[in-house]
Protein backbone atom coordinates (compact mmCIF):
# COMPACT_ATOMS: atom_id res chain seq x y z
CA UNK A 1 22.98 38.50 97.07
CA UNK A 2 21.71 35.84 94.69
CA UNK A 3 19.64 32.90 95.91
CA UNK A 4 22.39 30.64 94.49
CA UNK A 5 24.78 32.14 97.02
CA UNK A 6 22.78 30.80 99.97
CA UNK A 7 23.59 27.22 101.00
CA UNK A 8 20.83 25.12 102.57
CA UNK A 9 22.04 23.06 105.51
CA UNK A 10 20.77 20.73 108.21
CA UNK A 11 22.01 20.65 111.79
CA UNK A 12 22.02 17.47 113.84
CA UNK A 13 23.00 17.94 117.48
CA UNK A 14 24.46 15.07 119.45
CA UNK A 15 23.19 14.46 122.95
CA UNK A 16 24.13 17.57 124.91
CA UNK A 17 26.51 17.34 127.83
CA UNK A 18 26.64 19.64 130.84
CA UNK A 19 29.03 22.07 129.16
CA UNK A 20 29.18 21.15 125.45
CA UNK A 21 27.20 19.88 122.50
CA UNK A 22 28.59 18.68 119.18
CA UNK A 23 26.52 19.67 116.15
CA UNK A 24 26.96 17.97 112.78
CA UNK A 25 26.40 20.11 109.69
CA UNK A 26 25.02 18.56 106.49
CA UNK A 27 24.28 19.96 103.07
CA UNK A 28 22.59 18.33 100.10
CA UNK A 29 24.41 17.16 96.99
CA UNK A 30 22.51 15.41 94.19
CA UNK A 31 19.55 14.81 96.49
CA UNK A 32 21.65 13.17 99.21
CA UNK A 33 22.67 14.57 102.59
CA UNK A 34 26.42 15.00 102.88
CA UNK A 35 28.15 15.55 106.21
CA UNK A 36 30.38 18.57 105.90
CA UNK A 37 31.80 19.14 109.39
CA UNK A 38 30.86 19.50 113.05
CA UNK A 39 31.00 22.40 115.46
CA UNK A 40 31.23 22.25 119.23
CA UNK A 41 29.05 24.53 121.30
CA UNK A 42 30.80 25.25 124.58
CA UNK A 43 28.66 26.73 127.33
CA UNK A 44 30.47 25.82 130.54
CA UNK A 45 30.11 27.92 133.68
CA UNK A 46 33.47 29.48 132.85
CA UNK A 47 32.36 30.39 129.29
CA UNK A 48 29.12 31.98 130.50
CA UNK A 49 30.84 33.76 133.40
CA UNK A 50 33.29 35.35 130.96
CA UNK A 51 30.37 36.70 128.90
CA UNK A 52 28.67 37.96 132.05
CA UNK A 53 31.88 39.82 132.98
CA UNK A 54 31.58 41.61 129.64
CA UNK A 55 28.18 42.84 130.81
CA UNK A 56 26.02 40.50 128.77
CA UNK A 57 22.71 39.28 130.15
CA UNK A 58 20.83 36.14 129.21
CA UNK A 59 19.35 37.48 125.94
CA UNK A 60 22.65 39.02 124.83
CA UNK A 61 24.47 35.76 125.51
CA UNK A 62 22.00 33.85 123.33
CA UNK A 63 22.47 36.42 120.55
CA UNK A 64 26.25 36.10 120.99
CA UNK A 65 26.04 32.32 120.49
CA UNK A 66 23.68 32.66 117.50
CA UNK A 67 26.14 35.06 115.87
CA UNK A 68 29.02 32.70 116.66
CA UNK A 69 27.14 29.73 115.14
CA UNK A 70 26.32 31.67 111.99
CA UNK A 71 29.79 33.07 111.43
CA UNK A 72 31.55 29.78 112.22
CA UNK A 73 29.42 27.83 109.75
CA UNK A 74 29.79 30.65 107.21
CA UNK A 75 33.58 30.40 107.44
CA UNK A 76 33.59 26.62 106.90
CA UNK A 77 31.08 26.67 104.04
CA UNK A 78 32.36 29.83 102.33
CA UNK A 79 28.69 30.62 101.67
CA UNK A 80 25.86 32.42 103.34
CA UNK A 81 23.52 29.73 104.66
CA UNK A 82 20.02 28.92 105.84
CA UNK A 83 19.08 25.95 107.97
CA UNK A 84 16.27 23.66 106.81
CA UNK A 85 16.16 21.60 110.00
CA UNK A 86 17.80 21.29 113.39
CA UNK A 87 18.52 24.96 114.13
CA UNK A 88 15.64 25.36 116.58
CA UNK A 89 16.71 22.19 118.40
CA UNK A 90 20.29 23.48 118.70
CA UNK A 91 19.11 26.85 120.02
CA UNK A 92 16.81 25.15 122.54
CA UNK A 93 19.76 23.12 123.89
CA UNK A 94 21.78 26.31 124.16
CA UNK A 95 18.99 28.29 125.84
CA UNK A 96 18.38 25.58 128.44
CA UNK A 97 22.09 25.30 129.25
CA UNK A 98 22.57 29.06 129.59
CA UNK A 99 19.35 29.52 131.58
CA UNK A 100 20.68 27.13 134.25
CA UNK A 101 23.53 29.58 134.86
CA UNK A 102 21.28 32.55 135.65
């Protein structure tokens, strides 16, 4: 894979709610941030219980969500991507929400 094939993005999460958090995705064009789209993380009790029924524990659920985030953004961008800022904040929101359900 060439370095040109990797898109640099920024993630900006909205204020998280009990069961969801909207995350805006930006890329850079001509030195300016451009909003591309938003994704919605859904981590309600029902969502987490369904993953638990599949035999996933806390760590596996976090990996599941990380994979979902990556593949969802990859589909919308049509590029492999790396996040310059905001990813850690999004994962922290997710980890705190899931941890409350264990």
